[in-house]
Amino acid sequence: MRIAAQFPHFWEDKEGKSHRNMLQLEVEEPEMDGNYPGDGSIMIRLQGEDDQKAFKLTPKEALTVGEELRELSKEILAKKRDLWKKKNKG
C-alpha cells in the first residue's frame, strides 16, 4: 500500500498540553487476480499518540464516504453563511 495523503491535526487538551493526530489515506492499487482485475482498496488510518485504527474500503465505499462528507460540509458552511447574514442585519 502506498500513502496517498496525510492530514495532521494539532490540538491542546484542557491542561494546555499539545497533541497530534493524523488522518492517513493509503491506496492498494487494483491488480490482476487470475483472469480478473481486482478492485483495489482505500485504507483510512486514524493515528493517535498511543494507538491507531484503520478502515479498509472498496472504491465504491470510499466514494460514498466522500460524497457524504462533501454534503455535510456544504450544509455546515451554508448554516454559517446564514448566521453571518443574520448577524450583519441585526
PDB file of N, CA and C in Angstrom:
ATOM      1  N   MET A   1       0.844  -1.188   0.000  1.00  0.00           N
ATOM      2  CA  MET A   1       0.000   0.000   0.000  1.00  0.00           C
ATOM      3  C   MET A   1       0.879   1.237   0.000  1.00  0.00           C
ATOM      4  N   ARG A   2       0.468   2.215  -0.753  1.00  0.00           N
ATOM      5  CA  ARG A   2       1.211   3.476  -0.755  1.00  0.00           C
ATOM      6  C   ARG A   2       0.401   4.536  -0.012  1.00  0.00           C
ATOM      7  N   ILE A   3       1.095   5.438   0.632  1.00  0.00           N
ATOM      8  CA  ILE A   3       0.444   6.553   1.321  1.00  0.00           C
ATOM      9  C   ILE A   3       0.089   7.598   0.272  1.00  0.00           C
ATOM     10  N   ALA A   4      -1.194   7.904   0.152  1.00  0.00           N
ATOM     11  CA  ALA A   4      -1.667   8.872  -0.837  1.00  0.00           C
ATOM     12  C   ALA A   4      -1.767  10.277  -0.249  1.00  0.00           C
ATOM     13  N   ALA A   5      -2.109  10.376   1.045  1.00  0.00           N
ATOM     14  CA  ALA A   5      -2.252  11.697   1.674  1.00  0.00           C
ATOM     15  C   ALA A   5      -2.177  11.549   3.189  1.00  0.00           C
ATOM     16  N   GLN A   6      -1.715  12.620   3.832  1.00  0.00           N
ATOM     17  CA  GLN A   6      -1.686  12.691   5.293  1.00  0.00           C
ATOM     18  C   GLN A   6      -2.223  14.043   5.727  1.00  0.00           C
ATOM     19  N   PHE A   7      -3.057  14.016   6.766  1.00  0.00           N
ATOM     20  CA  PHE A   7      -3.641  15.236   7.303  1.00  0.00           C
ATOM     21  C   PHE A   7      -3.357  15.301   8.803  1.00  0.00           C
ATOM     22  N   PRO A   8      -2.295  16.019   9.201  1.00  0.00           N
ATOM     23  CA  PRO A   8      -2.006  16.134  10.633  1.00  0.00           C
ATOM     24  C   PRO A   8      -3.003  17.087  11.297  1.00  0.00           C
ATOM     25  N   HIS A   9      -3.297  16.799  12.545  1.00  0.00           N
ATOM     26  CA  HIS A   9      -4.216  17.633  13.329  1.00  0.00           C
ATOM     27  C   HIS A   9      -3.578  17.871  14.694  1.00  0.00           C
ATOM     28  N   PHE A  10      -3.373  19.136  15.020  1.00  0.00           N
ATOM     29  CA  PHE A  10      -2.757  19.508  16.296  1.00  0.00           C
ATOM     30  C   PHE A  10      -3.834  20.110  17.194  1.00  0.00           C
ATOM     31  N   TRP A  11      -3.798  19.776  18.481  1.00  0.00           N
ATOM     32  CA  TRP A  11      -4.781  20.293  19.421  1.00  0.00           C
ATOM     33  C   TRP A  11      -4.187  20.346  20.823  1.00  0.00           C
ATOM     34  N   GLU A  12      -4.833  21.133  21.676  1.00  0.00           N
ATOM     35  CA  GLU A  12      -4.408  21.253  23.075  1.00  0.00           C
ATOM     36  C   GLU A  12      -5.485  20.707  23.987  1.00  0.00           C
ATOM     37  N   ASP A  13      -5.064  19.978  25.021  1.00  0.00           N
ATOM     38  CA  ASP A  13      -6.021  19.470  25.993  1.00  0.00           C
ATOM     39  C   ASP A  13      -6.356  20.554  27.016  1.00  0.00           C
ATOM     40  N   LYS A  14      -7.163  20.216  28.000  1.00  0.00           N
ATOM     41  CA  LYS A  14      -7.616  21.188  29.000  1.00  0.00           C
ATOM     42  C   LYS A  14      -6.462  21.779  29.818  1.00  0.00           C
ATOM     43  N   GLU A  15      -5.374  21.021  29.929  1.00  0.00           N
ATOM     44  CA  GLU A  15      -4.212  21.494  30.679  1.00  0.00           C
ATOM     45  C   GLU A  15      -3.261  22.314  29.802  1.00  0.00           C
ATOM     46  N   GLY A  16      -3.582  22.455  28.531  1.00  0.00           N
ATOM     47  CA  GLY A  16      -2.740  23.221  27.626  1.00  0.00           C
ATOM     48  C   GLY A  16      -1.615  22.428  26.976  1.00  0.00           C
ATOM     49  N   LYS A  17      -1.616  21.114  27.164  1.00  0.00           N
ATOM     50  CA  LYS A  17      -0.589  20.260  26.570  1.00  0.00           C
ATOM     51  C   LYS A  17      -0.930  20.010  25.090  1.00  0.00           C
ATOM     52  N   SER A  18       0.070  20.133  24.219  1.00  0.00           N
ATOM     53  CA  SER A  18      -0.130  19.935  22.782  1.00  0.00           C
ATOM     54  C   SER A  18      -0.142  18.454  22.420  1.00  0.00           C
ATOM     55  N   HIS A  19      -1.009  18.125  21.470  1.00  0.00           N
ATOM     56  CA  HIS A  19      -1.135  16.755  20.978  1.00  0.00           C
ATOM     57  C   HIS A  19      -1.229  16.783  19.457  1.00  0.00           C
ATOM     58  N   ARG A  20      -0.982  15.602  18.857  1.00  0.00           N
ATOM     59  CA  ARG A  20      -1.050  15.485  17.408  1.00  0.00           C
ATOM     60  C   ARG A  20      -1.739  14.174  17.031  1.00  0.00           C
ATOM     61  N   ASN A  21      -2.679  14.269  16.109  1.00  0.00           N
ATOM     62  CA  ASN A  21      -3.321  13.116  15.497  1.00  0.00           C
ATOM     63  C   ASN A  21      -3.031  13.166  14.005  1.00  0.00           C
ATOM     64  N   MET A  22      -3.247  12.049  13.326  1.00  0.00           N
ATOM     65  CA  MET A  22      -3.004  12.016  11.889  1.00  0.00           C
ATOM     66  C   MET A  22      -4.102  11.202  11.211  1.00  0.00           C
ATOM     67  N   LEU A  23      -4.627  11.751  10.141  1.00  0.00           N
ATOM     68  CA  LEU A  23      -5.514  11.007   9.249  1.00  0.00           C
ATOM     69  C   LEU A  23      -4.680  10.682   8.020  1.00  0.00           C
ATOM     70  N   GLN A  24      -4.564   9.410   7.705  1.00  0.00           N
ATOM     71  CA  GLN A  24      -3.728   8.984   6.582  1.00  0.00           C
ATOM     72  C   GLN A  24      -4.564   8.160   5.619  1.00  0.00           C
ATOM     73  N   LEU A  25      -4.419   8.441   4.327  1.00  0.00           N
ATOM     74  CA  LEU A  25      -5.097   7.689   3.283  1.00  0.00           C
ATOM     75  C   LEU A  25      -4.068   6.842   2.546  1.00  0.00           C
ATOM     76  N   GLU A  26      -4.337   5.555   2.476  1.00  0.00           N
ATOM     77  CA  GLU A  26      -3.433   4.622   1.814  1.00  0.00           C
ATOM     78  C   GLU A  26      -4.181   3.937   0.681  1.00  0.00           C
ATOM     79  N   VAL A  27      -3.475   3.670  -0.410  1.00  0.00           N
ATOM     80  CA  VAL A  27      -4.104   3.078  -1.593  1.00  0.00           C
ATOM     81  C   VAL A  27      -3.454   1.748  -1.932  1.00  0.00           C
ATOM     82  N   GLU A  28      -4.287   0.761  -2.163  1.00  0.00           N
ATOM     83  CA  GLU A  28      -3.845  -0.518  -2.706  1.00  0.00           C
ATOM     84  C   GLU A  28      -4.342  -0.559  -4.149  1.00  0.00           C
ATOM     85  N   GLU A  29      -3.422  -0.558  -5.080  1.00  0.00           N
ATOM     86  CA  GLU A  29      -3.777  -0.490  -6.500  1.00  0.00           C
ATOM     87  C   GLU A  29      -4.480  -1.763  -6.947  1.00  0.00           C
ATOM     88  N   PRO A  30      -5.404  -1.663  -7.908  1.00  0.00           N
ATOM     89  CA  PRO A  30      -6.019  -2.870  -8.459  1.00  0.00           C
ATOM     90  C   PRO A  30      -4.985  -3.693  -9.228  1.00  0.00           C
ATOM     91  N   GLU A  31      -5.075  -4.999  -9.093  1.00  0.00           N
ATOM     92  CA  GLU A  31      -4.156  -5.911  -9.777  1.00  0.00           C
ATOM     93  C   GLU A  31      -4.957  -7.071 -10.358  1.00  0.00           C
ATOM     94  N   MET A  32      -4.357  -7.735 -11.301  1.00  0.00           N
ATOM     95  CA  MET A  32      -4.994  -8.916 -11.878  1.00  0.00           C
ATOM     96  C   MET A  32      -4.957 -10.051 -10.864  1.00  0.00           C
ATOM     97  N   ASP A  33      -6.080 -10.746 -10.749  1.00  0.00           N
ATOM     98  CA  ASP A  33      -6.202 -11.934  -9.898  1.00  0.00           C
ATOM     99  C   ASP A  33      -6.681 -13.058 -10.813  1.00  0.00           C
ATOM    100  N   GLY A  34      -5.733 -13.788 -11.336  1.00  0.00           N
ATOM    101  CA  GLY A  34      -6.086 -14.764 -12.372  1.00  0.00           C
ATOM    102  C   GLY A  34      -6.422 -14.007 -13.650  1.00  0.00           C
ATOM    103  N   ASN A  35      -7.624 -14.218 -14.156  1.00  0.00           N
ATOM    104  CA  ASN A  35      -8.068 -13.527 -15.372  1.00  0.00           C
ATOM    105  C   ASN A  35      -8.936 -12.309 -15.081  1.00  0.00           C
ATOM    106  N   TYR A  36      -9.056 -11.921 -13.818  1.00  0.00           N
ATOM    107  CA  TYR A  36      -9.944 -10.825 -13.447  1.00  0.00           C
ATOM    108  C   TYR A  36      -9.189  -9.718 -12.717  1.00  0.00           C
ATOM    109  N   PRO A  37      -9.510  -8.475 -13.023  1.00  0.00           N
ATOM    110  CA  PRO A  37      -8.881  -7.383 -12.275  1.00  0.00           C
ATOM    111  C   PRO A  37      -9.499  -7.258 -10.879  1.00  0.00           C
ATOM    112  N   GLY A  38      -8.633  -7.120  -9.876  1.00  0.00           N
ATOM    113  CA  GLY A  38      -9.117  -6.887  -8.513  1.00  0.00           C
ATOM    114  C   GLY A  38      -9.566  -5.442  -8.354  1.00  0.00           C
ATOM    115  N   ASP A  39     -10.318  -5.171  -7.302  1.00  0.00           N
ATOM    116  CA  ASP A  39     -10.881  -3.837  -7.086  1.00  0.00           C
ATOM    117  C   ASP A  39      -9.864  -2.815  -6.601  1.00  0.00           C
ATOM    118  N   GLY A  40      -8.870  -3.253  -5.840  1.00  0.00           N
ATOM    119  CA  GLY A  40      -8.029  -2.304  -5.131  1.00  0.00           C
ATOM    120  C   GLY A  40      -8.788  -1.842  -3.894  1.00  0.00           C
ATOM    121  N   SER A  41      -8.175  -1.009  -3.082  1.00  0.00           N
ATOM    122  CA  SER A  41      -8.846  -0.534  -1.873  1.00  0.00           C
ATOM    123  C   SER A  41      -8.237   0.772  -1.401  1.00  0.00           C
ATOM    124  N   ILE A  42      -8.967   1.424  -0.506  1.00  0.00           N
ATOM    125  CA  ILE A  42      -8.512   2.647   0.153  1.00  0.00           C
ATOM    126  C   ILE A  42      -8.577   2.390   1.649  1.00  0.00           C
ATOM    127  N   MET A  43      -7.460   2.620   2.318  1.00  0.00           N
ATOM    128  CA  MET A  43      -7.399   2.459   3.767  1.00  0.00           C
ATOM    129  C   MET A  43      -7.413   3.849   4.395  1.00  0.00           C
ATOM    130  N   ILE A  44      -8.329   4.045   5.324  1.00  0.00           N
ATOM    131  CA  ILE A  44      -8.359   5.277   6.107  1.00  0.00           C
ATOM    132  C   ILE A  44      -7.784   4.928   7.470  1.00  0.00           C
ATOM    133  N   ARG A  45      -6.649   5.536   7.807  1.00  0.00           N
ATOM    134  CA  ARG A  45      -5.974   5.222   9.067  1.00  0.00           C
ATOM    135  C   ARG A  45      -6.010   6.460   9.972  1.00  0.00           C
ATOM    136  N   LEU A  46      -6.494   6.269  11.192  1.00  0.00           N
ATOM    137  CA  LEU A  46      -6.527   7.329  12.197  1.00  0.00           C
ATOM    138  C   LEU A  46      -5.466   7.006  13.239  1.00  0.00           C
ATOM    139  N   GLN A  47      -4.461   7.867  13.352  1.00  0.00           N
ATOM    140  CA  GLN A  47      -3.356   7.618  14.264  1.00  0.00           C
ATOM    141  C   GLN A  47      -3.369   8.640  15.390  1.00  0.00           C
ATOM    142  N   GLY A  48      -3.394   8.139  16.613  1.00  0.00           N
ATOM    143  CA  GLY A  48      -3.249   8.986  17.779  1.00  0.00           C
ATOM    144  C   GLY A  48      -1.852   8.821  18.346  1.00  0.00           C
ATOM    145  N   GLU A  49      -1.617   9.393  19.503  1.00  0.00           N
ATOM    146  CA  GLU A  49      -0.301   9.275  20.123  1.00  0.00           C
ATOM    147  C   GLU A  49      -0.046   7.861  20.654  1.00  0.00           C
ATOM    148  N   ASP A  50      -1.114   7.181  21.051  1.00  0.00           N
ATOM    149  CA  ASP A  50      -0.955   5.881  21.691  1.00  0.00           C
ATOM    150  C   ASP A  50      -1.510   4.709  20.887  1.00  0.00           C
ATOM    151  N   ASP A  51      -2.343   4.982  19.889  1.00  0.00           N
ATOM    152  CA  ASP A  51      -2.959   3.889  19.146  1.00  0.00           C
ATOM    153  C   ASP A  51      -3.340   4.335  17.743  1.00  0.00           C
ATOM    154  N   GLN A  52      -3.841   3.388  16.985  1.00  0.00           N
ATOM    155  CA  GLN A  52      -4.325   3.704  15.651  1.00  0.00           C
ATOM    156  C   GLN A  52      -5.447   2.748  15.286  1.00  0.00           C
ATOM    157  N   LYS A  53      -6.327   3.226  14.431  1.00  0.00           N
ATOM    158  CA  LYS A  53      -7.431   2.426  13.894  1.00  0.00           C
ATOM    159  C   LYS A  53      -7.412   2.588  12.393  1.00  0.00           C
ATOM    160  N   ALA A  54      -7.904   1.576  11.695  1.00  0.00           N
ATOM    161  CA  ALA A  54      -7.916   1.656  10.241  1.00  0.00           C
ATOM    162  C   ALA A  54      -9.213   1.068   9.701  1.00  0.00           C
ATOM    163  N   PHE A  55      -9.669   1.623   8.585  1.00  0.00           N
ATOM    164  CA  PHE A  55     -10.850   1.150   7.882  1.00  0.00           C
ATOM    165  C   PHE A  55     -10.447   0.887   6.438  1.00  0.00           C
ATOM    166  N   LYS A  56     -10.627  -0.331   5.984  1.00  0.00           N
ATOM    167  CA  LYS A  56     -10.310  -0.663   4.600  1.00  0.00           C
ATOM    168  C   LYS A  56     -11.605  -0.619   3.798  1.00  0.00           C
ATOM    169  N   LEU A  57     -11.625   0.230   2.769  1.00  0.00           N
ATOM    170  CA  LEU A  57     -12.829   0.455   1.991  1.00  0.00           C
ATOM    171  C   LEU A  57     -12.635   0.068   0.539  1.00  0.00           C
ATOM    172  N   THR A  58     -13.708  -0.380  -0.088  1.00  0.00           N
ATOM    173  CA  THR A  58     -13.692  -0.560  -1.529  1.00  0.00           C
ATOM    174  C   THR A  58     -13.758   0.830  -2.159  1.00  0.00           C
ATOM    175  N   PRO A  59     -13.396   0.961  -3.431  1.00  0.00           N
ATOM    176  CA  PRO A  59     -13.525   2.269  -4.075  1.00  0.00           C
ATOM    177  C   PRO A  59     -14.959   2.817  -4.008  1.00  0.00           C
ATOM    178  N   LYS A  60     -15.948   1.947  -4.151  1.00  0.00           N
ATOM    179  CA  LYS A  60     -17.349   2.393  -4.077  1.00  0.00           C
ATOM    180  C   LYS A  60     -17.691   2.921  -2.679  1.00  0.00           C
ATOM    181  N   GLU A  61     -17.255   2.212  -1.647  1.00  0.00           N
ATOM    182  CA  GLU A  61     -17.494   2.669  -0.278  1.00  0.00           C
ATOM    183  C   GLU A  61     -16.802   4.007  -0.025  1.00  0.00           C
ATOM    184  N   ALA A  62     -15.569   4.144  -0.520  1.00  0.00           N
ATOM    185  CA  ALA A  62     -14.825   5.388  -0.328  1.00  0.00           C
ATOM    186  C   ALA A  62     -15.534   6.556  -1.014  1.00  0.00           C
ATOM    187  N   LEU A  63     -16.086   6.324  -2.198  1.00  0.00           N
ATOM    188  CA  LEU A  63     -16.852   7.379  -2.883  1.00  0.00           C
ATOM    189  C   LEU A  63     -18.083   7.784  -2.082  1.00  0.00           C
ATOM    190  N   THR A  64     -18.759   6.813  -1.498  1.00  0.00           N
ATOM    191  CA  THR A  64     -19.937   7.101  -0.680  1.00  0.00           C
ATOM    192  C   THR A  64     -19.557   7.959   0.525  1.00  0.00           C
ATOM    193  N   VAL A  65     -18.459   7.607   1.206  1.00  0.00           N
ATOM    194  CA  VAL A  65     -17.990   8.398   2.355  1.00  0.00           C
ATOM    195  C   VAL A  65     -17.628   9.806   1.903  1.00  0.00           C
ATOM    196  N   GLY A  66     -16.908   9.920   0.786  1.00  0.00           N
ATOM    197  CA  GLY A  66     -16.511  11.226   0.269  1.00  0.00           C
ATOM    198  C   GLY A  66     -17.701  12.101  -0.076  1.00  0.00           C
ATOM    199  N   GLU A  67     -18.711  11.512  -0.708  1.00  0.00           N
ATOM    200  CA  GLU A  67     -19.910  12.274  -1.062  1.00  0.00           C
ATOM    201  C   GLU A  67     -20.653  12.741   0.192  1.00  0.00           C
ATOM    202  N   GLU A  68     -20.720  11.875   1.189  1.00  0.00           N
ATOM    203  CA  GLU A  68     -21.391  12.239   2.436  1.00  0.00           C
ATOM    204  C   GLU A  68     -20.651  13.381   3.143  1.00  0.00           C
ATOM    205  N   LEU A  69     -19.317  13.299   3.193  1.00  0.00           N
ATOM    206  CA  LEU A  69     -18.520  14.374   3.797  1.00  0.00           C
ATOM    207  C   LEU A  69     -18.728  15.692   3.052  1.00  0.00           C
ATOM    208  N   ARG A  70     -18.767  15.628   1.732  1.00  0.00           N
ATOM    209  CA  ARG A  70     -18.978  16.829   0.923  1.00  0.00           C
ATOM    210  C   ARG A  70     -20.335  17.469   1.227  1.00  0.00           C
ATOM    211  N   GLU A  71     -21.380  16.652   1.266  1.00  0.00           N
ATOM    212  CA  GLU A  71     -22.723  17.182   1.530  1.00  0.00           C
ATOM    213  C   GLU A  71     -22.831  17.762   2.937  1.00  0.00           C
ATOM    214  N   LEU A  72     -22.280  17.065   3.925  1.00  0.00           N
ATOM    215  CA  LEU A  72     -22.312  17.582   5.298  1.00  0.00           C
ATOM    216  C   LEU A  72     -21.553  18.902   5.396  1.00  0.00           C
ATOM    217  N   SER A  73     -20.412  18.990   4.733  1.00  0.00           N
ATOM    218  CA  SER A  73     -19.622  20.223   4.757  1.00  0.00           C
ATOM    219  C   SER A  73     -20.379  21.372   4.104  1.00  0.00           C
ATOM    220  N   LYS A  74     -21.046  21.109   2.993  1.00  0.00           N
ATOM    221  CA  LYS A  74     -21.825  22.151   2.320  1.00  0.00           C
ATOM    222  C   LYS A  74     -22.952  22.660   3.215  1.00  0.00           C
ATOM    223  N   GLU A  75     -23.614  21.740   3.925  1.00  0.00           N
ATOM    224  CA  GLU A  75     -24.695  22.130   4.843  1.00  0.00           C
ATOM    225  C   GLU A  75     -24.164  23.012   5.970  1.00  0.00           C
ATOM    226  N   ILE A  76     -23.052  22.618   6.555  1.00  0.00           N
ATOM    227  CA  ILE A  76     -22.477  23.383   7.662  1.00  0.00           C
ATOM    228  C   ILE A  76     -22.052  24.776   7.196  1.00  0.00           C
ATOM    229  N   LEU A  77     -21.402  24.857   6.031  1.00  0.00           N
ATOM    230  CA  LEU A  77     -20.972  26.163   5.503  1.00  0.00           C
ATOM    231  C   LEU A  77     -22.169  27.053   5.178  1.00  0.00           C
ATOM    232  N   ALA A  78     -23.256  26.472   4.672  1.00  0.00           N
ATOM    233  CA  ALA A  78     -24.459  27.252   4.384  1.00  0.00           C
ATOM    234  C   ALA A  78     -25.059  27.811   5.682  1.00  0.00           C
ATOM    235  N   LYS A  79     -25.088  27.002   6.727  1.00  0.00           N
ATOM    236  CA  LYS A  79     -25.602  27.471   8.021  1.00  0.00           C
ATOM    237  C   LYS A  79     -24.725  28.584   8.588  1.00  0.00           C
ATOM    238  N   LYS A  80     -23.414  28.458   8.417  1.00  0.00           N
ATOM    239  CA  LYS A  80     -22.503  29.506   8.891  1.00  0.00           C
ATOM    240  C   LYS A  80     -22.745  30.804   8.127  1.00  0.00           C
ATOM    241  N   ARG A  81     -22.936  30.711   6.796  1.00  0.00           N
ATOM    242  CA  ARG A  81     -23.247  31.913   5.999  1.00  0.00           C
ATOM    243  C   ARG A  81     -24.529  32.572   6.486  1.00  0.00           C
ATOM    244  N   ASP A  82     -25.541  31.751   6.785  1.00  0.00           N
ATOM    245  CA  ASP A  82     -26.807  32.296   7.294  1.00  0.00           C
ATOM    246  C   ASP A  82     -26.611  33.024   8.617  1.00  0.00           C
ATOM    247  N   LEU A  83     -25.775  32.465   9.486  1.00  0.00           N
ATOM    248  CA  LEU A  83     -25.502  33.122  10.768  1.00  0.00           C
ATOM    249  C   LEU A  83     -24.815  34.470  10.547  1.00  0.00           C
ATOM    250  N   TRP A  84     -23.863  34.547   9.599  1.00  0.00           N
ATOM    251  CA  TRP A  84     -23.223  35.824   9.297  1.00  0.00           C
ATOM    252  C   TRP A  84     -24.230  36.826   8.745  1.00  0.00           C
ATOM    253  N   LYS A  85     -25.135  36.364   7.888  1.00  0.00           N
ATOM    254  CA  LYS A  85     -26.144  37.268   7.311  1.00  0.00           C
ATOM    255  C   LYS A  85     -27.052  37.826   8.401  1.00  0.00           C
ATOM    256  N   LYS A  86     -27.496  36.943   9.324  1.00  0.00           N
ATOM    257  CA  LYS A  86     -28.355  37.382  10.439  1.00  0.00           C
ATOM    258  C   LYS A  86     -27.617  38.366  11.337  1.00  0.00           C
ATOM    259  N   LYS A  87     -26.346  38.122  11.582  1.00  0.00           N
ATOM    260  CA  LYS A  87     -25.550  38.988  12.430  1.00  0.00           C
ATOM    261  C   LYS A  87     -25.423  40.365  11.805  1.00  0.00           C
ATOM    262  N   ASN A  88     -25.182  40.425  10.505  1.00  0.00           N
ATOM    263  CA  ASN A  88     -24.982  41.687   9.820  1.00  0.00           C
ATOM    264  C   ASN A  88     -26.271  42.488   9.657  1.00  0.00           C
ATOM    265  N   LYS A  89     -27.428  41.822   9.671  1.00  0.00           N
ATOM    266  CA  LYS A  89     -28.712  42.520   9.577  1.00  0.00           C
ATOM    267  C   LYS A  89     -29.127  43.131  10.914  1.00  0.00           C
ATOM    268  N   GLY A  90     -28.702  42.485  11.988  1.00  0.00           N
ATOM    269  CA  GLY A  90     -29.159  42.887  13.316  1.00  0.00           C
ATOM    270  C   GLY A  90     -28.265  43.758  14.030  1.00  0.00           C
TER     271      GLY A  90
END
